[in-house]
């Protein structure tokens, strides 16, 4: 790798950099194309899950526990995970808390009337969320899996519009394909 290439990569650590092949004149011409990293794509997929999951948790827990559902949910979070959640508002933005609630209350509030694979997809989303929170690395296959999992999970949560998750999944697939094609071309 040339010094110039290393400098470009070092100056943009969160972006994927690809260099064009040599030009006809034999000089390296840099064509920098910024793409979302696999880690960012996994985060994007999980962000699409937050609002529908919040509504799903609220409706199912409210059906079982009534108006005091958030007290039960917050109590389970505090007791089981050591999370200091004292306000209902935290549930709207905390994907970890929402996924934990589903896991803790699955048999009571979520199992009935759920699609057979919903729990599997929710646990997979939880694994992706935890890996993201603990700074684990991701590759494009992971990003595609996360995008696909969210895309499949959304209708199970009552979300009818999957256009954003479909676009994200197509974007990840295009990135994966272009990286694979470029690797073949260079080898």
N, C-alpha and C. Protein backbone atom coordinates (compact mmCIF):
# COMPACT_ATOMS: atom_id res chain seq x y z
N UNK A 1 0.86 -1.17 0.00
CA UNK A 1 0.00 0.00 0.00
C UNK A 1 0.90 1.23 0.00
N UNK A 2 0.56 2.18 -0.84
CA UNK A 2 1.39 3.37 -0.96
C UNK A 2 1.21 4.27 0.25
N UNK A 3 2.19 5.17 0.47
CA UNK A 3 2.09 6.12 1.58
C UNK A 3 0.90 7.04 1.39
N UNK A 4 0.61 7.42 0.15
CA UNK A 4 -0.50 8.30 -0.13
C UNK A 4 -1.82 7.61 0.23
N UNK A 5 -1.96 6.35 -0.09
CA UNK A 5 -3.16 5.60 0.24
C UNK A 5 -3.31 5.49 1.74
N UNK A 6 -2.23 5.20 2.45
CA UNK A 6 -2.29 5.10 3.90
C UNK A 6 -2.74 6.41 4.53
N UNK A 7 -2.26 7.52 4.02
CA UNK A 7 -2.63 8.82 4.57
C UNK A 7 -4.11 9.08 4.36
N UNK A 8 -4.66 8.70 3.21
CA UNK A 8 -6.08 8.89 2.96
C UNK A 8 -6.89 8.05 3.92
N UNK A 9 -6.51 6.81 4.10
CA UNK A 9 -7.25 5.93 5.01
C UNK A 9 -7.16 6.43 6.44
N UNK A 10 -6.02 6.89 6.87
CA UNK A 10 -5.86 7.36 8.24
C UNK A 10 -6.66 8.63 8.50
N UNK A 11 -6.83 9.44 7.48
CA UNK A 11 -7.55 10.70 7.70
C UNK A 11 -9.05 10.52 7.75
N UNK A 12 -9.56 9.39 7.31
CA UNK A 12 -11.00 9.12 7.35
C UNK A 12 -11.26 7.74 7.93
N UNK A 13 -11.03 7.57 9.23
CA UNK A 13 -11.10 6.23 9.82
C UNK A 13 -12.49 5.61 9.82
N UNK A 14 -13.55 6.39 9.74
CA UNK A 14 -14.88 5.80 9.81
C UNK A 14 -15.48 5.56 8.44
N UNK A 15 -14.74 5.80 7.39
CA UNK A 15 -15.30 5.63 6.07
C UNK A 15 -14.51 4.59 5.28
N UNK A 16 -15.22 3.91 4.42
CA UNK A 16 -14.62 2.91 3.58
C UNK A 16 -14.06 3.62 2.35
N UNK A 17 -12.80 3.41 2.06
CA UNK A 17 -12.14 4.08 0.94
C UNK A 17 -11.78 3.04 -0.10
N UNK A 18 -12.05 3.36 -1.35
CA UNK A 18 -11.62 2.48 -2.42
C UNK A 18 -10.89 3.31 -3.45
N UNK A 19 -9.81 2.77 -3.97
CA UNK A 19 -9.03 3.47 -4.97
C UNK A 19 -9.26 2.82 -6.33
N UNK A 20 -9.33 3.65 -7.35
CA UNK A 20 -9.52 3.15 -8.71
C UNK A 20 -8.24 2.49 -9.18
N UNK A 21 -8.34 1.58 -10.15
CA UNK A 21 -7.13 0.97 -10.69
C UNK A 21 -6.30 2.00 -11.44
N UNK A 22 -5.09 1.62 -11.81
CA UNK A 22 -4.19 2.53 -12.52
C UNK A 22 -4.83 3.02 -13.81
N UNK A 23 -4.53 4.27 -14.15
CA UNK A 23 -5.01 4.84 -15.41
C UNK A 23 -4.15 4.34 -16.55
N UNK A 24 -4.53 4.68 -17.77
CA UNK A 24 -3.77 4.25 -18.95
C UNK A 24 -2.34 4.77 -18.91
N UNK A 25 -2.12 5.94 -18.34
CA UNK A 25 -0.78 6.53 -18.30
C UNK A 25 0.10 5.83 -17.27
N UNK A 26 -0.46 4.94 -16.48
CA UNK A 26 0.33 4.22 -15.50
C UNK A 26 0.44 4.92 -14.16
N UNK A 27 -0.24 6.04 -13.98
CA UNK A 27 -0.22 6.76 -12.72
C UNK A 27 -1.45 6.39 -11.91
N UNK A 28 -1.26 6.28 -10.62
CA UNK A 28 -2.40 5.97 -9.76
C UNK A 28 -3.26 7.22 -9.63
N UNK A 29 -4.49 7.10 -10.01
CA UNK A 29 -5.44 8.21 -9.88
C UNK A 29 -6.40 7.82 -8.77
N UNK A 30 -6.44 8.62 -7.73
CA UNK A 30 -7.32 8.30 -6.61
C UNK A 30 -8.74 8.73 -6.91
N UNK A 31 -9.62 7.79 -6.76
CA UNK A 31 -11.04 8.08 -6.82
C UNK A 31 -11.59 7.61 -5.48
N UNK A 32 -11.83 8.54 -4.63
CA UNK A 32 -12.28 8.19 -3.29
C UNK A 32 -13.80 8.16 -3.30
N UNK A 33 -14.33 7.04 -2.90
CA UNK A 33 -15.77 6.90 -2.81
C UNK A 33 -16.10 6.57 -1.36
N UNK A 34 -16.85 7.43 -0.75
CA UNK A 34 -17.20 7.23 0.65
C UNK A 34 -18.47 6.40 0.73
N UNK A 35 -18.41 5.35 1.48
CA UNK A 35 -19.56 4.48 1.68
C UNK A 35 -19.81 4.35 3.17
N UNK A 36 -20.97 3.93 3.50
CA UNK A 36 -21.27 3.65 4.89
C UNK A 36 -20.50 2.40 5.28
N UNK A 37 -19.93 2.42 6.48
CA UNK A 37 -19.22 1.24 6.95
C UNK A 37 -20.23 0.19 7.38
N UNK A 38 -19.82 -1.07 7.47
CA UNK A 38 -20.74 -2.11 7.95
C UNK A 38 -21.31 -1.77 9.33
N UNK A 39 -20.50 -1.21 10.19
CA UNK A 39 -20.96 -0.84 11.53
C UNK A 39 -22.08 0.21 11.46
N UNK A 40 -21.90 1.21 10.61
CA UNK A 40 -22.93 2.24 10.45
C UNK A 40 -24.20 1.67 9.86
N UNK A 41 -24.05 0.73 8.93
CA UNK A 41 -25.22 0.11 8.32
C UNK A 41 -26.00 -0.73 9.32
N UNK A 42 -25.30 -1.44 10.21
CA UNK A 42 -25.98 -2.19 11.28
C UNK A 42 -26.73 -1.21 12.18
N UNK A 43 -26.09 -0.10 12.53
CA UNK A 43 -26.76 0.92 13.34
C UNK A 43 -27.98 1.49 12.65
N UNK A 44 -27.88 1.72 11.34
CA UNK A 44 -29.03 2.23 10.57
C UNK A 44 -30.19 1.24 10.63
N UNK A 45 -29.89 -0.04 10.49
CA UNK A 45 -30.93 -1.06 10.54
C UNK A 45 -31.62 -1.06 11.90
N UNK A 46 -30.83 -1.00 12.95
CA UNK A 46 -31.41 -1.02 14.29
C UNK A 46 -32.21 0.25 14.58
N UNK A 47 -31.80 1.37 14.01
CA UNK A 47 -32.56 2.61 14.17
C UNK A 47 -33.96 2.49 13.57
N UNK A 48 -34.09 1.74 12.48
CA UNK A 48 -35.40 1.54 11.86
C UNK A 48 -36.32 0.70 12.74
N UNK A 49 -35.74 -0.05 13.64
CA UNK A 49 -36.51 -0.94 14.51
C UNK A 49 -37.08 -0.23 15.74
N UNK A 50 -36.45 0.85 16.16
CA UNK A 50 -36.76 1.50 17.43
C UNK A 50 -38.24 1.90 17.58
N UNK A 51 -38.78 2.71 16.70
CA UNK A 51 -40.16 3.21 16.84
C UNK A 51 -41.21 2.09 16.75
N UNK A 52 -41.13 1.19 15.74
CA UNK A 52 -42.11 0.11 15.70
C UNK A 52 -42.03 -0.82 16.91
N UNK A 53 -40.82 -1.07 17.39
CA UNK A 53 -40.68 -1.93 18.56
C UNK A 53 -41.25 -1.26 19.80
N UNK A 54 -41.06 0.03 19.93
CA UNK A 54 -41.62 0.76 21.06
C UNK A 54 -43.14 0.64 21.08
N UNK A 55 -43.76 0.83 19.94
CA UNK A 55 -45.22 0.73 19.85
C UNK A 55 -45.69 -0.70 20.12
N UNK A 56 -44.96 -1.67 19.62
CA UNK A 56 -45.28 -3.09 19.84
C UNK A 56 -45.21 -3.42 21.33
N UNK A 57 -44.14 -2.99 21.98
CA UNK A 57 -43.97 -3.24 23.42
C UNK A 57 -45.09 -2.56 24.20
N UNK A 58 -45.35 -1.29 23.89
CA UNK A 58 -46.40 -0.56 24.60
C UNK A 58 -47.76 -1.25 24.46
N UNK A 59 -48.13 -1.60 23.24
CA UNK A 59 -49.46 -2.19 23.03
C UNK A 59 -49.59 -3.55 23.70
N UNK A 60 -48.58 -4.40 23.58
CA UNK A 60 -48.66 -5.74 24.18
C UNK A 60 -48.60 -5.68 25.71
N UNK A 61 -47.74 -4.84 26.24
CA UNK A 61 -47.64 -4.73 27.70
C UNK A 61 -48.90 -4.07 28.29
N UNK A 62 -49.43 -3.08 27.60
CA UNK A 62 -50.64 -2.41 28.06
C UNK A 62 -51.82 -3.38 28.06
N UNK A 63 -51.88 -4.25 27.08
CA UNK A 63 -52.95 -5.25 27.02
C UNK A 63 -52.89 -6.19 28.23
N UNK A 64 -51.68 -6.54 28.67
CA UNK A 64 -51.54 -7.46 29.80
C UNK A 64 -51.60 -6.77 31.17
N UNK A 65 -51.04 -5.57 31.26
CA UNK A 65 -50.88 -4.92 32.56
C UNK A 65 -51.65 -3.62 32.72
N UNK A 66 -52.34 -3.20 31.69
CA UNK A 66 -53.11 -1.97 31.79
C UNK A 66 -52.22 -0.73 31.80
N UNK A 67 -52.75 0.32 32.40
CA UNK A 67 -52.05 1.61 32.42
C UNK A 67 -50.72 1.58 33.18
N UNK A 68 -50.55 0.62 34.06
CA UNK A 68 -49.33 0.54 34.86
C UNK A 68 -48.26 -0.34 34.21
N UNK A 69 -48.41 -0.61 32.94
CA UNK A 69 -47.49 -1.50 32.25
C UNK A 69 -46.04 -1.03 32.35
N UNK A 70 -45.84 0.28 32.26
CA UNK A 70 -44.45 0.78 32.27
C UNK A 70 -43.78 0.54 33.62
N UNK A 71 -44.56 0.53 34.69
CA UNK A 71 -43.99 0.24 36.01
C UNK A 71 -43.45 -1.19 36.05
N UNK A 72 -44.20 -2.12 35.49
CA UNK A 72 -43.75 -3.50 35.43
C UNK A 72 -42.49 -3.61 34.56
N UNK A 73 -42.54 -2.96 33.42
CA UNK A 73 -41.41 -3.02 32.50
C UNK A 73 -40.16 -2.40 33.12
N UNK A 74 -40.31 -1.22 33.67
CA UNK A 74 -39.16 -0.54 34.28
C UNK A 74 -38.64 -1.31 35.49
N UNK A 75 -39.54 -1.90 36.24
CA UNK A 75 -39.13 -2.71 37.38
C UNK A 75 -38.32 -3.92 36.95
N UNK A 76 -38.72 -4.56 35.89
CA UNK A 76 -37.98 -5.72 35.39
C UNK A 76 -36.61 -5.30 34.85
N UNK A 77 -36.55 -4.15 34.24
CA UNK A 77 -35.27 -3.68 33.73
C UNK A 77 -34.32 -3.38 34.87
N UNK A 78 -34.82 -2.66 35.85
CA UNK A 78 -33.97 -2.28 36.98
C UNK A 78 -33.51 -3.51 37.75
N UNK A 79 -34.42 -4.43 38.01
CA UNK A 79 -34.08 -5.60 38.81
C UNK A 79 -33.18 -6.58 38.07
N UNK A 80 -33.43 -6.78 36.78
CA UNK A 80 -32.71 -7.82 36.08
C UNK A 80 -31.41 -7.35 35.43
N UNK A 81 -31.38 -6.15 34.96
CA UNK A 81 -30.22 -5.71 34.20
C UNK A 81 -29.40 -4.65 34.90
N UNK A 82 -29.81 -4.26 36.08
CA UNK A 82 -29.08 -3.23 36.78
C UNK A 82 -29.21 -1.87 36.11
N UNK A 83 -30.22 -1.72 35.28
CA UNK A 83 -30.42 -0.46 34.57
C UNK A 83 -31.19 0.51 35.45
N UNK A 84 -30.74 1.71 35.52
CA UNK A 84 -31.40 2.72 36.34
C UNK A 84 -32.38 3.49 35.48
N UNK A 85 -33.52 2.90 35.23
CA UNK A 85 -34.56 3.53 34.43
C UNK A 85 -35.66 4.00 35.37
N UNK A 86 -35.90 5.27 35.38
CA UNK A 86 -36.93 5.78 36.28
C UNK A 86 -38.05 6.48 35.54
N UNK A 87 -37.91 6.66 34.24
CA UNK A 87 -38.93 7.36 33.49
C UNK A 87 -39.40 6.54 32.30
N UNK A 88 -40.67 6.62 32.05
CA UNK A 88 -41.27 5.93 30.92
C UNK A 88 -40.67 6.43 29.60
N UNK A 89 -40.29 7.68 29.53
CA UNK A 89 -39.74 8.27 28.30
C UNK A 89 -38.47 7.55 27.83
N UNK A 90 -37.72 6.97 28.74
CA UNK A 90 -36.50 6.26 28.35
C UNK A 90 -36.82 5.09 27.43
N UNK A 91 -37.99 4.49 27.61
CA UNK A 91 -38.33 3.33 26.81
C UNK A 91 -38.45 3.67 25.33
N UNK A 92 -38.85 4.89 25.02
CA UNK A 92 -39.03 5.27 23.62
C UNK A 92 -37.72 5.30 22.84
N UNK A 93 -36.64 5.61 23.51
CA UNK A 93 -35.37 5.77 22.80
C UNK A 93 -34.35 4.67 23.11
N UNK A 94 -34.63 3.82 24.05
CA UNK A 94 -33.64 2.83 24.48
C UNK A 94 -33.95 1.46 23.88
N UNK A 95 -33.29 1.16 22.75
CA UNK A 95 -33.53 -0.10 22.07
C UNK A 95 -33.15 -1.29 22.94
N UNK A 96 -32.09 -1.16 23.71
CA UNK A 96 -31.68 -2.23 24.61
C UNK A 96 -32.78 -2.55 25.61
N UNK A 97 -33.37 -1.52 26.20
CA UNK A 97 -34.44 -1.72 27.17
C UNK A 97 -35.65 -2.38 26.51
N UNK A 98 -36.01 -1.93 25.33
CA UNK A 98 -37.16 -2.52 24.63
C UNK A 98 -36.94 -3.99 24.33
N UNK A 99 -35.76 -4.33 23.84
CA UNK A 99 -35.46 -5.73 23.54
C UNK A 99 -35.39 -6.58 24.80
N UNK A 100 -34.92 -6.00 25.89
CA UNK A 100 -34.88 -6.72 27.17
C UNK A 100 -36.29 -6.98 27.68
N UNK A 101 -37.16 -6.00 27.54
CA UNK A 101 -38.55 -6.18 27.97
C UNK A 101 -39.21 -7.31 27.20
N UNK A 102 -39.02 -7.34 25.90
CA UNK A 102 -39.60 -8.41 25.10
C UNK A 102 -39.07 -9.76 25.57
N UNK A 103 -37.79 -9.84 25.83
CA UNK A 103 -37.20 -11.09 26.28
C UNK A 103 -37.75 -11.52 27.65
N UNK A 104 -37.82 -10.58 28.58
CA UNK A 104 -38.28 -10.89 29.94
C UNK A 104 -39.77 -11.24 29.99
N UNK A 105 -40.57 -10.59 29.16
CA UNK A 105 -42.02 -10.76 29.22
C UNK A 105 -42.57 -11.57 28.03
N UNK A 106 -41.71 -12.30 27.33
CA UNK A 106 -42.15 -13.00 26.14
C UNK A 106 -43.35 -13.90 26.40
N UNK A 107 -43.26 -14.78 27.35
CA UNK A 107 -44.34 -15.75 27.59
C UNK A 107 -45.62 -15.09 28.10
N UNK A 108 -45.50 -13.99 28.80
CA UNK A 108 -46.68 -13.33 29.38
C UNK A 108 -47.36 -12.41 28.37
N UNK A 109 -46.58 -11.57 27.71
CA UNK A 109 -47.19 -10.51 26.90
C UNK A 109 -46.97 -10.60 25.40
N UNK A 110 -46.00 -11.35 24.96
CA UNK A 110 -45.64 -11.28 23.54
C UNK A 110 -45.84 -12.57 22.76
N UNK A 111 -45.81 -13.69 23.41
CA UNK A 111 -45.88 -14.98 22.71
C UNK A 111 -47.20 -15.17 21.98
N UNK A 112 -48.28 -14.87 22.66
CA UNK A 112 -49.61 -15.02 22.09
C UNK A 112 -49.76 -14.07 20.90
N UNK A 113 -50.27 -14.58 19.81
CA UNK A 113 -50.53 -13.81 18.59
C UNK A 113 -49.24 -13.32 17.91
N UNK A 114 -48.11 -13.90 18.22
CA UNK A 114 -46.88 -13.52 17.53
C UNK A 114 -46.55 -14.53 16.46
N UNK A 115 -45.94 -14.07 15.40
CA UNK A 115 -45.50 -14.94 14.33
C UNK A 115 -44.41 -15.86 14.88
N UNK A 116 -44.36 -17.06 14.38
CA UNK A 116 -43.47 -18.09 14.90
C UNK A 116 -42.01 -17.64 15.01
N UNK A 117 -41.50 -16.91 14.02
CA UNK A 117 -40.09 -16.54 14.01
C UNK A 117 -39.81 -15.20 14.68
N UNK A 118 -40.81 -14.54 15.19
CA UNK A 118 -40.61 -13.20 15.76
C UNK A 118 -39.57 -13.21 16.88
N UNK A 119 -39.65 -14.16 17.76
CA UNK A 119 -38.71 -14.20 18.88
C UNK A 119 -37.28 -14.39 18.39
N UNK A 120 -37.10 -15.24 17.41
CA UNK A 120 -35.76 -15.48 16.86
C UNK A 120 -35.19 -14.19 16.28
N UNK A 121 -36.00 -13.48 15.50
CA UNK A 121 -35.54 -12.23 14.90
C UNK A 121 -35.28 -11.17 15.97
N UNK A 122 -36.12 -11.13 16.99
CA UNK A 122 -35.90 -10.16 18.07
C UNK A 122 -34.61 -10.46 18.83
N UNK A 123 -34.34 -11.73 19.09
CA UNK A 123 -33.09 -12.10 19.77
C UNK A 123 -31.88 -11.78 18.89
N UNK A 124 -32.04 -11.98 17.58
CA UNK A 124 -30.95 -11.65 16.67
C UNK A 124 -30.70 -10.13 16.67
N UNK A 125 -31.77 -9.35 16.67
CA UNK A 125 -31.64 -7.89 16.75
C UNK A 125 -30.96 -7.50 18.06
N UNK A 126 -31.30 -8.19 19.12
CA UNK A 126 -30.67 -7.91 20.42
C UNK A 126 -29.17 -8.22 20.38
N UNK A 127 -28.80 -9.31 19.73
CA UNK A 127 -27.38 -9.65 19.57
C UNK A 127 -26.64 -8.58 18.78
N UNK A 128 -27.25 -8.10 17.70
CA UNK A 128 -26.64 -7.03 16.91
C UNK A 128 -26.50 -5.76 17.74
N UNK A 129 -27.52 -5.43 18.49
CA UNK A 129 -27.48 -4.22 19.32
C UNK A 129 -26.38 -4.32 20.37
N UNK A 130 -26.25 -5.48 20.99
CA UNK A 130 -25.22 -5.66 22.01
C UNK A 130 -23.82 -5.61 21.39
N UNK A 131 -23.65 -6.22 20.24
CA UNK A 131 -22.35 -6.19 19.56
C UNK A 131 -21.99 -4.75 19.17
N UNK A 132 -22.98 -4.01 18.73
CA UNK A 132 -22.76 -2.60 18.37
C UNK A 132 -22.36 -1.79 19.61
N UNK A 133 -23.04 -2.02 20.71
CA UNK A 133 -22.76 -1.29 21.95
C UNK A 133 -21.39 -1.63 22.53
N UNK A 134 -20.92 -2.83 22.26
CA UNK A 134 -19.63 -3.25 22.80
C UNK A 134 -18.50 -3.16 21.77
N UNK A 135 -18.73 -2.34 20.76
CA UNK A 135 -17.71 -2.01 19.75
C UNK A 135 -17.12 -3.22 19.04
N UNK A 136 -17.93 -4.23 18.84
CA UNK A 136 -17.45 -5.37 18.06
C UNK A 136 -17.42 -4.96 16.59
N UNK A 137 -16.60 -5.63 15.82
CA UNK A 137 -16.48 -5.29 14.41
C UNK A 137 -17.55 -6.04 13.60
N UNK A 138 -17.88 -5.45 12.47
CA UNK A 138 -18.87 -6.02 11.57
C UNK A 138 -18.29 -6.06 10.17
N UNK A 139 -18.75 -7.01 9.38
CA UNK A 139 -18.41 -7.03 7.96
C UNK A 139 -19.71 -6.81 7.18
N UNK A 140 -19.61 -6.78 5.86
CA UNK A 140 -20.80 -6.50 5.06
C UNK A 140 -21.84 -7.62 5.17
N UNK A 141 -21.40 -8.84 5.40
CA UNK A 141 -22.35 -9.94 5.58
C UNK A 141 -23.18 -9.71 6.85
N UNK A 142 -22.54 -9.22 7.90
CA UNK A 142 -23.26 -8.88 9.14
C UNK A 142 -24.26 -7.76 8.89
N UNK A 143 -23.82 -6.75 8.15
CA UNK A 143 -24.70 -5.62 7.85
C UNK A 143 -25.91 -6.08 7.04
N UNK A 144 -25.69 -6.97 6.08
CA UNK A 144 -26.80 -7.49 5.28
C UNK A 144 -27.74 -8.32 6.15
N UNK A 145 -27.18 -9.10 7.04
CA UNK A 145 -28.01 -9.92 7.93
C UNK A 145 -28.86 -9.03 8.85
N UNK A 146 -28.25 -7.99 9.41
CA UNK A 146 -28.99 -7.07 10.29
C UNK A 146 -30.11 -6.37 9.52
N UNK A 147 -29.80 -5.89 8.32
CA UNK A 147 -30.81 -5.20 7.51
C UNK A 147 -31.94 -6.15 7.14
N UNK A 148 -31.60 -7.38 6.80
CA UNK A 148 -32.62 -8.37 6.44
C UNK A 148 -33.47 -8.76 7.64
N UNK A 149 -32.83 -8.93 8.79
CA UNK A 149 -33.56 -9.27 10.01
C UNK A 149 -34.58 -8.19 10.35
N UNK A 150 -34.16 -6.95 10.30
CA UNK A 150 -35.07 -5.85 10.59
C UNK A 150 -36.19 -5.79 9.55
N UNK A 151 -35.83 -5.97 8.30
CA UNK A 151 -36.83 -5.94 7.22
C UNK A 151 -37.90 -7.02 7.44
N UNK A 152 -37.49 -8.20 7.85
CA UNK A 152 -38.44 -9.29 8.11
C UNK A 152 -39.22 -9.08 9.40
N UNK A 153 -38.61 -8.44 10.36
CA UNK A 153 -39.22 -8.25 11.68
C UNK A 153 -40.31 -7.16 11.68
N UNK A 154 -40.13 -6.14 10.88
CA UNK A 154 -41.06 -5.00 10.91
C UNK A 154 -42.53 -5.39 10.74
N UNK A 155 -42.91 -6.23 9.76
CA UNK A 155 -44.33 -6.57 9.67
C UNK A 155 -44.82 -7.38 10.88
N UNK A 156 -43.94 -8.12 11.51
CA UNK A 156 -44.31 -8.88 12.70
C UNK A 156 -44.61 -7.95 13.87
N UNK A 157 -44.07 -6.74 13.80
CA UNK A 157 -44.30 -5.74 14.84
C UNK A 157 -45.46 -4.82 14.48
N UNK A 158 -46.09 -5.07 13.35
CA UNK A 158 -47.22 -4.26 12.92
C UNK A 158 -46.85 -3.11 12.01
N UNK A 159 -45.61 -3.03 11.58
CA UNK A 159 -45.16 -1.96 10.68
C UNK A 159 -45.46 -2.38 9.25
N UNK A 160 -46.33 -1.65 8.58
CA UNK A 160 -46.70 -2.01 7.22
C UNK A 160 -45.77 -1.41 6.17
N UNK A 161 -45.18 -0.27 6.45
CA UNK A 161 -44.29 0.39 5.49
C UNK A 161 -42.85 -0.08 5.72
N UNK A 162 -42.37 -0.88 4.78
CA UNK A 162 -41.00 -1.37 4.89
C UNK A 162 -40.11 -0.78 3.81
N UNK A 163 -40.50 0.37 3.28
CA UNK A 163 -39.72 0.96 2.19
C UNK A 163 -38.31 1.34 2.63
N UNK A 164 -38.17 1.91 3.82
CA UNK A 164 -36.83 2.29 4.30
C UNK A 164 -35.96 1.08 4.54
N UNK A 165 -36.52 0.06 5.15
CA UNK A 165 -35.71 -1.14 5.41
C UNK A 165 -35.38 -1.86 4.11
N UNK A 166 -36.28 -1.81 3.14
CA UNK A 166 -36.00 -2.39 1.83
C UNK A 166 -34.89 -1.66 1.11
N UNK A 167 -34.91 -0.32 1.19
CA UNK A 167 -33.84 0.47 0.58
C UNK A 167 -32.50 0.20 1.26
N UNK A 168 -32.52 0.11 2.59
CA UNK A 168 -31.28 -0.16 3.32
C UNK A 168 -30.74 -1.53 2.93
N UNK A 169 -31.60 -2.51 2.85
CA UNK A 169 -31.18 -3.86 2.49
C UNK A 169 -30.59 -3.87 1.07
N UNK A 170 -31.21 -3.16 0.15
CA UNK A 170 -30.70 -3.07 -1.23
C UNK A 170 -29.35 -2.35 -1.26
N UNK A 171 -29.20 -1.31 -0.45
CA UNK A 171 -27.93 -0.58 -0.38
C UNK A 171 -26.81 -1.48 0.12
N UNK A 172 -27.08 -2.22 1.17
CA UNK A 172 -26.06 -3.12 1.72
C UNK A 172 -25.70 -4.20 0.70
N UNK A 173 -26.69 -4.71 0.02
CA UNK A 173 -26.44 -5.74 -0.99
C UNK A 173 -25.60 -5.18 -2.13
N UNK A 174 -25.88 -3.95 -2.56
CA UNK A 174 -25.08 -3.31 -3.61
C UNK A 174 -23.63 -3.13 -3.15
N UNK A 175 -23.44 -2.66 -1.90
CA UNK A 175 -22.08 -2.49 -1.37
C UNK A 175 -21.36 -3.83 -1.34
N UNK A 176 -22.03 -4.85 -0.86
CA UNK A 176 -21.42 -6.18 -0.77
C UNK A 176 -21.00 -6.68 -2.15
N UNK A 177 -21.87 -6.51 -3.11
CA UNK A 177 -21.60 -6.96 -4.47
C UNK A 177 -20.45 -6.18 -5.09
N UNK A 178 -20.44 -4.87 -4.90
CA UNK A 178 -19.36 -4.07 -5.51
C UNK A 178 -18.02 -4.38 -4.86
N UNK A 179 -17.99 -4.63 -3.57
CA UNK A 179 -16.74 -4.99 -2.89
C UNK A 179 -16.24 -6.34 -3.40
N UNK A 180 -17.16 -7.30 -3.54
CA UNK A 180 -16.78 -8.62 -4.04
C UNK A 180 -16.27 -8.52 -5.48
N UNK A 181 -16.98 -7.76 -6.31
CA UNK A 181 -16.55 -7.60 -7.71
C UNK A 181 -15.20 -6.92 -7.81
N UNK A 182 -14.97 -5.91 -6.99
CA UNK A 182 -13.70 -5.21 -7.01
C UNK A 182 -12.56 -6.12 -6.54
N UNK A 183 -12.82 -6.95 -5.55
CA UNK A 183 -11.81 -7.89 -5.07
C UNK A 183 -11.46 -8.89 -6.16
N UNK A 184 -12.45 -9.36 -6.91
CA UNK A 184 -12.18 -10.29 -8.00
C UNK A 184 -11.35 -9.62 -9.09
N UNK A 185 -11.69 -8.37 -9.38
CA UNK A 185 -10.99 -7.65 -10.43
C UNK A 185 -9.52 -7.43 -10.05
N UNK A 186 -9.25 -7.19 -8.79
CA UNK A 186 -7.89 -6.92 -8.34
C UNK A 186 -7.06 -8.18 -8.15
N UNK A 187 -7.72 -9.32 -8.05
CA UNK A 187 -6.94 -10.56 -7.83
C UNK A 187 -6.54 -11.23 -9.11
